[in-house]
C-alpha atoms as a PDB file:
ATOM      1  CA  UNK A   1       0.000   0.000   0.000  1.00  0.00           C
ATOM      2  CA  UNK A   2       1.400   3.407  -0.902  1.00  0.00           C
ATOM      3  CA  UNK A   3       2.041   5.981   1.821  1.00  0.00           C
ATOM      4  CA  UNK A   4      -0.722   8.381   0.727  1.00  0.00           C
ATOM      5  CA  UNK A   5      -3.323   5.620   0.937  1.00  0.00           C
ATOM      6  CA  UNK A   6      -1.994   4.587   4.333  1.00  0.00           C
ATOM      7  CA  UNK A   7      -2.153   8.162   5.643  1.00  0.00           C
ATOM      8  CA  UNK A   8      -5.672   8.540   4.286  1.00  0.00           C
ATOM      9  CA  UNK A   9      -6.656   5.387   6.169  1.00  0.00           C
ATOM     10  CA  UNK A  10      -4.960   6.832   9.271  1.00  0.00           C
ATOM     11  CA  UNK A  11      -6.991  10.007   8.845  1.00  0.00           C
ATOM     12  CA  UNK A  12     -10.152   7.917   8.763  1.00  0.00           C
ATOM     13  CA  UNK A  13      -9.086   6.323  12.055  1.00  0.00           C
ATOM     14  CA  UNK A  14      -8.387   9.734  13.559  1.00  0.00           C
ATOM     15  CA  UNK A  15     -11.731  11.246  12.604  1.00  0.00           C
ATOM     16  CA  UNK A  16     -13.623   8.177  13.814  1.00  0.00           C
ATOM     17  CA  UNK A  17     -12.285   8.722  17.341  1.00  0.00           C
ATOM     18  CA  UNK A  18     -13.792  11.764  19.068  1.00  0.00           C
ATOM     19  CA  UNK A  19     -10.699  12.537  21.164  1.00  0.00           C
ATOM     20  CA  UNK A  20      -8.255  12.182  18.273  1.00  0.00           C
ATOM     21  CA  UNK A  21     -10.503  14.131  15.912  1.00  0.00           C
ATOM     22  CA  UNK A  22     -10.825  17.062  18.335  1.00  0.00           C
ATOM     23  CA  UNK A  23      -7.055  17.125  18.949  1.00  0.00           C
ATOM     24  CA  UNK A  24      -6.222  16.869  15.234  1.00  0.00           C
ATOM     25  CA  UNK A  25      -8.581  19.692  14.320  1.00  0.00           C
ATOM     26  CA  UNK A  26      -7.287  21.877  17.152  1.00  0.00           C
ATOM     27  CA  UNK A  27      -3.633  21.319  16.267  1.00  0.00           C
ATOM     28  CA  UNK A  28      -4.054  21.748  12.521  1.00  0.00           C
ATOM     29  CA  UNK A  29      -6.523  24.624  12.666  1.00  0.00           C
ATOM     30  CA  UNK A  30      -8.771  22.837  10.205  1.00  0.00           C
ATOM     31  CA  UNK A  31     -12.528  22.748  10.582  1.00  0.00           C
ATOM     32  CA  UNK A  32     -14.545  19.636   9.648  1.00  0.00           C
ATOM     33  CA  UNK A  33     -15.718  21.056   6.309  1.00  0.00           C
ATOM     34  CA  UNK A  34     -12.217  22.028   5.216  1.00  0.00           C
ATOM     35  CA  UNK A  35     -10.868  18.668   6.326  1.00  0.00           C
ATOM     36  CA  UNK A  36     -13.473  16.851   4.234  1.00  0.00           C
ATOM     37  CA  UNK A  37     -12.645  18.998   1.213  1.00  0.00           C
ATOM     38  CA  UNK A  38      -8.874  18.546   1.580  1.00  0.00           C
ATOM     39  CA  UNK A  39      -8.622  15.022   3.000  1.00  0.00           C
ATOM     40  CA  UNK A  40      -6.509  13.674   0.147  1.00  0.00           C
ATOM     41  CA  UNK A  41      -4.366  16.765  -0.360  1.00  0.00           C
ATOM     42  CA  UNK A  42      -0.631  16.241   0.161  1.00  0.00           C
ATOM     43  CA  UNK A  43      -0.437  18.887   2.904  1.00  0.00           C
ATOM     44  CA  UNK A  44      -3.295  17.244   4.811  1.00  0.00           C
ATOM     45  CA  UNK A  45      -1.704  13.825   4.579  1.00  0.00           C
ATOM     46  CA  UNK A  46       1.609  15.231   5.792  1.00  0.00           C
ATOM     47  CA  UNK A  47      -0.259  16.842   8.695  1.00  0.00           C
ATOM     48  CA  UNK A  48      -1.619  13.397   9.576  1.00  0.00           C
ATOM     49  CA  UNK A  49       1.907  11.955   9.681  1.00  0.00           C
ATOM     50  CA  UNK A  50       3.189  14.869  11.753  1.00  0.00           C
ATOM     51  CA  UNK A  51       0.211  14.631  14.109  1.00  0.00           C
ATOM     52  CA  UNK A  52       0.866  10.962  14.765  1.00  0.00           C
ATOM     53  CA  UNK A  53       4.629  11.421  15.057  1.00  0.00           C
ATOM     54  CA  UNK A  54       4.041  14.056  17.728  1.00  0.00           C
ATOM     55  CA  UNK A  55       2.328  11.701  20.189  1.00  0.00           C
ATOM     56  CA  UNK A  56       3.560   8.114  20.368  1.00  0.00           C
ATOM     57  CA  UNK A  57       0.513   6.590  22.129  1.00  0.00           C
ATOM     58  CA  UNK A  58      -1.755   7.833  19.332  1.00  0.00           C
ATOM     59  CA  UNK A  59       0.735   6.685  16.695  1.00  0.00           C
ATOM     60  CA  UNK A  60       0.839   3.181  18.159  1.00  0.00           C
ATOM     61  CA  UNK A  61      -2.961   3.023  18.547  1.00  0.00           C
ATOM     62  CA  UNK A  62      -3.613   4.056  14.941  1.00  0.00           C
ATOM     63  CA  UNK A  63      -0.865   1.800  13.589  1.00  0.00           C
ATOM     64  CA  UNK A  64      -2.287  -1.138  15.545  1.00  0.00           C
ATOM     65  CA  UNK A  65      -5.800  -0.422  14.254  1.00  0.00           C
ATOM     66  CA  UNK A  66      -4.461  -0.390  10.695  1.00  0.00           C
ATOM     67  CA  UNK A  67      -2.236  -3.424  11.181  1.00  0.00           C
ATOM     68  CA  UNK A  68       0.979  -1.630  10.223  1.00  0.00           C
ATOM     69  CA  UNK A  69       4.241  -0.691  11.882  1.00  0.00           C
ATOM     70  CA  UNK A  70       4.217   2.814  13.415  1.00  0.00           C
ATOM     71  CA  UNK A  71       7.166   3.824  11.229  1.00  0.00           C
ATOM     72  CA  UNK A  72       4.992   3.333   8.144  1.00  0.00           C
ATOM     73  CA  UNK A  73       2.828   6.254   9.285  1.00  0.00           C
ATOM     74  CA  UNK A  74       5.457   8.803  10.210  1.00  0.00           C
ATOM     75  CA  UNK A  75       8.594   7.693   8.446  1.00  0.00           C
ATOM     76  CA  UNK A  76      10.057   9.468   5.440  1.00  0.00           C
ATOM     77  CA  UNK A  77       7.761   9.775   2.449  1.00  0.00           C
END
């Protein structure tokens, strides 16, 4: 699976969890409508990787939910 697809799946995990969604929106400054419109944009996907890299427990939780190694979500593109 390519990295963009993986980060898009990670974004889906983030927005499905109320706590993660609220934190992601607060840290990125995005609102729900803008996030929906820009979900697949490169800058949004990079924000997902940076968001997860910034808090290891969330990174591990999302990686586990997706069945991937944490480094796949926040490693180099």
